Amino acid sequence: MVRPRRRINYSHVMNQVRKIRQLSSDLSNESRDLNNIINDIVYIWKGEASREFIGQGEMLEGDIKSTSKKMSDIATRISDVAYDIKREDDRRLDAYYDWLERQSDYYD
């Protein structure tokens, strides 16, 4: 029996997941900042141009929120899959070492 190899570098993947989650959080904060700017503009700027600007700003804010949520969802999915792969690899390695131990007992 050949020693099974790990299919992924779990700690590296989890570092990447943390980076994606941080970027998602940063993007979410930017969305809140944009919302605050839009709310300030509502009180300061009146007229057709302001309504158009505010509408475009609100659409942009929605896109940013959506992107942030998607990034967070992807990070969760990557984390879940990486954990499943790690768990399967751990089981395969445990089975291999159990097999080695049985072989050692057999030849002793």
C-alpha atoms as a PDB file:
ATOM      1  CA  MET A   1       0.000   0.000   0.000  1.00  0.00           C
ATOM      2  CA  VAL A   2       1.334   3.438  -0.932  1.00  0.00           C
ATOM      3  CA  ARG A   3       1.179   6.219   1.632  1.00  0.00           C
ATOM      4  CA  PRO A   4      -1.739   8.532   0.708  1.00  0.00           C
ATOM      5  CA  ARG A   5      -0.879  12.148   0.019  1.00  0.00           C
ATOM      6  CA  ARG A   6      -2.783  15.186   1.180  1.00  0.00           C
ATOM      7  CA  ARG A   7      -4.665  16.679  -1.735  1.00  0.00           C
ATOM      8  CA  ILE A   8      -4.636  20.268  -0.443  1.00  0.00           C
ATOM      9  CA  ASN A   9      -2.589  22.449   1.854  1.00  0.00           C
ATOM     10  CA  TYR A  10      -5.370  23.064   4.365  1.00  0.00           C
ATOM     11  CA  SER A  11      -3.661  25.866   6.292  1.00  0.00           C
ATOM     12  CA  HIS A  12      -2.901  27.722   3.050  1.00  0.00           C
ATOM     13  CA  VAL A  13      -6.505  27.369   1.884  1.00  0.00           C
ATOM     14  CA  MET A  14      -7.790  28.623   5.240  1.00  0.00           C
ATOM     15  CA  ASN A  15      -5.449  31.638   5.032  1.00  0.00           C
ATOM     16  CA  GLN A  16      -6.964  32.416   1.640  1.00  0.00           C
ATOM     17  CA  VAL A  17     -10.459  32.025   3.115  1.00  0.00           C
ATOM     18  CA  ARG A  18      -9.565  34.516   5.852  1.00  0.00           C
ATOM     19  CA  LYS A  19      -8.354  36.983   3.210  1.00  0.00           C
ATOM     20  CA  ILE A  20     -11.575  36.621   1.213  1.00  0.00           C
ATOM     21  CA  ARG A  21     -13.639  37.143   4.369  1.00  0.00           C
ATOM     22  CA  GLN A  22     -11.615  40.235   5.261  1.00  0.00           C
ATOM     23  CA  LEU A  23     -12.102  41.642   1.757  1.00  0.00           C
ATOM     24  CA  SER A  24     -15.816  40.898   2.014  1.00  0.00           C
ATOM     25  CA  SER A  25     -15.978  42.742   5.328  1.00  0.00           C
ATOM     26  CA  ASP A  26     -14.011  45.694   3.928  1.00  0.00           C
ATOM     27  CA  LEU A  27     -16.362  45.859   0.963  1.00  0.00           C
ATOM     28  CA  SER A  28     -19.366  45.768   3.273  1.00  0.00           C
ATOM     29  CA  ASN A  29     -17.898  48.695   5.221  1.00  0.00           C
ATOM     30  CA  GLU A  30     -17.447  50.611   1.962  1.00  0.00           C
ATOM     31  CA  SER A  31     -21.112  49.988   1.194  1.00  0.00           C
ATOM     32  CA  ARG A  32     -22.091  51.524   4.543  1.00  0.00           C
ATOM     33  CA  ASP A  33     -19.830  54.502   3.871  1.00  0.00           C
ATOM     34  CA  LEU A  34     -21.449  54.988   0.468  1.00  0.00           C
ATOM     35  CA  ASN A  35     -24.880  54.794   2.101  1.00  0.00           C
ATOM     36  CA  ASN A  36     -23.865  57.537   4.537  1.00  0.00           C
ATOM     37  CA  ILE A  37     -22.669  59.716   1.664  1.00  0.00           C
ATOM     38  CA  ILE A  38     -25.921  59.187  -0.213  1.00  0.00           C
ATOM     39  CA  ASN A  39     -27.929  60.084   2.901  1.00  0.00           C
ATOM     40  CA  ASP A  40     -25.894  63.262   3.331  1.00  0.00           C
ATOM     41  CA  ILE A  41     -26.477  64.204  -0.299  1.00  0.00           C
ATOM     42  CA  VAL A  42     -30.243  63.820   0.119  1.00  0.00           C
ATOM     43  CA  TYR A  43     -30.212  66.696   2.631  1.00  0.00           C
ATOM     44  CA  ILE A  44     -27.785  68.918   0.751  1.00  0.00           C
ATOM     45  CA  TRP A  45     -28.535  68.521  -2.944  1.00  0.00           C
ATOM     46  CA  LYS A  46     -32.009  68.941  -4.433  1.00  0.00           C
ATOM     47  CA  GLY A  47     -33.276  68.628  -7.967  1.00  0.00           C
ATOM     48  CA  GLU A  48     -33.410  66.209 -10.858  1.00  0.00           C
ATOM     49  CA  ALA A  49     -29.635  65.713 -11.060  1.00  0.00           C
ATOM     50  CA  SER A  50     -29.482  64.836  -7.357  1.00  0.00           C
ATOM     51  CA  ARG A  51     -32.246  62.245  -7.741  1.00  0.00           C
ATOM     52  CA  GLU A  52     -30.376  60.677 -10.656  1.00  0.00           C
ATOM     53  CA  PHE A  53     -27.121  60.673  -8.687  1.00  0.00           C
ATOM     54  CA  ILE A  54     -28.823  59.201  -5.633  1.00  0.00           C
ATOM     55  CA  GLY A  55     -30.496  56.501  -7.748  1.00  0.00           C
ATOM     56  CA  GLN A  56     -27.186  55.546  -9.329  1.00  0.00           C
ATOM     57  CA  GLY A  57     -25.518  55.606  -5.905  1.00  0.00           C
ATOM     58  CA  GLU A  58     -28.174  53.325  -4.444  1.00  0.00           C
ATOM     59  CA  MET A  59     -27.757  50.874  -7.325  1.00  0.00           C
ATOM     60  CA  LEU A  60     -24.002  50.897  -6.773  1.00  0.00           C
ATOM     61  CA  GLU A  61     -24.494  50.356  -3.054  1.00  0.00           C
ATOM     62  CA  GLY A  62     -26.734  47.359  -3.805  1.00  0.00           C
ATOM     63  CA  ASP A  63     -24.139  45.908  -6.165  1.00  0.00           C
ATOM     64  CA  ILE A  64     -21.422  46.336  -3.531  1.00  0.00           C
ATOM     65  CA  LYS A  65     -23.578  44.647  -0.856  1.00  0.00           C
ATOM     66  CA  SER A  66     -24.377  41.802  -3.233  1.00  0.00           C
ATOM     67  CA  THR A  67     -20.716  41.307  -4.130  1.00  0.00           C
ATOM     68  CA  SER A  68     -19.734  41.349  -0.458  1.00  0.00           C
ATOM     69  CA  LYS A  69     -22.358  38.707   0.334  1.00  0.00           C
ATOM     70  CA  LYS A  70     -21.261  36.532  -2.586  1.00  0.00           C
ATOM     71  CA  MET A  71     -17.636  36.749  -1.454  1.00  0.00           C
ATOM     72  CA  SER A  72     -18.640  35.710   2.050  1.00  0.00           C
ATOM     73  CA  ASP A  73     -20.699  32.811   0.676  1.00  0.00           C
ATOM     74  CA  ILE A  74     -17.817  31.654  -1.510  1.00  0.00           C
ATOM     75  CA  ALA A  75     -15.425  31.801   1.448  1.00  0.00           C
ATOM     76  CA  THR A  76     -17.803  29.614   3.444  1.00  0.00           C
ATOM     77  CA  ARG A  77     -18.128  27.107   0.612  1.00  0.00           C
ATOM     78  CA  ILE A  78     -14.357  26.935   0.128  1.00  0.00           C
ATOM     79  CA  SER A  79     -13.882  26.458   3.860  1.00  0.00           C
ATOM     80  CA  ASP A  80     -16.488  23.686   4.002  1.00  0.00           C
ATOM     81  CA  VAL A  81     -15.028  21.820   1.016  1.00  0.00           C
ATOM     82  CA  ALA A  82     -11.470  22.191   2.331  1.00  0.00           C
ATOM     83  CA  TYR A  83     -12.552  20.807   5.697  1.00  0.00           C
ATOM     84  CA  ASP A  84     -14.261  17.837   4.028  1.00  0.00           C
ATOM     85  CA  ILE A  85     -11.139  17.096   1.966  1.00  0.00           C
ATOM     86  CA  LYS A  86      -8.918  17.403   5.050  1.00  0.00           C
ATOM     87  CA  ARG A  87     -11.183  15.070   7.022  1.00  0.00           C
ATOM     88  CA  GLU A  88     -11.153  12.498   4.194  1.00  0.00           C
ATOM     89  CA  ASP A  89      -7.373  12.762   3.863  1.00  0.00           C
ATOM     90  CA  ASP A  90      -6.992  12.328   7.628  1.00  0.00           C
ATOM     91  CA  ARG A  91      -9.121   9.174   7.480  1.00  0.00           C
ATOM     92  CA  ARG A  92      -7.094   7.774   4.583  1.00  0.00           C
ATOM     93  CA  LEU A  93      -3.844   8.492   6.410  1.00  0.00           C
ATOM     94  CA  ASP A  94      -5.173   6.946   9.617  1.00  0.00           C
ATOM     95  CA  ALA A  95      -6.197   3.827   7.681  1.00  0.00           C
ATOM     96  CA  TYR A  96      -2.740   3.693   6.100  1.00  0.00           C
ATOM     97  CA  TYR A  97      -0.972   3.926   9.461  1.00  0.00           C
ATOM     98  CA  ASP A  98      -3.317   1.294  10.918  1.00  0.00           C
ATOM     99  CA  TRP A  99      -2.439  -0.947   7.987  1.00  0.00           C
ATOM    100  CA  LEU A 100       1.281  -0.326   8.567  1.00  0.00           C
ATOM    101  CA  GLU A 101       0.909  -1.208  12.217  1.00  0.00           C
ATOM    102  CA  ARG A 102      -0.892  -4.436  11.341  1.00  0.00           C
ATOM    103  CA  GLN A 103       1.866  -5.275   8.877  1.00  0.00           C
ATOM    104  CA  SER A 104       4.477  -4.660  11.561  1.00  0.00           C
ATOM    105  CA  ASP A 105       2.576  -6.888  14.008  1.00  0.00           C
ATOM    106  CA  TYR A 106       2.301  -9.589  11.349  1.00  0.00           C
ATOM    107  CA  TYR A 107       6.056  -9.672  10.704  1.00  0.00           C
ATOM    108  CA  ASP A 108       7.073  -9.524  14.373  1.00  0.00           C
END
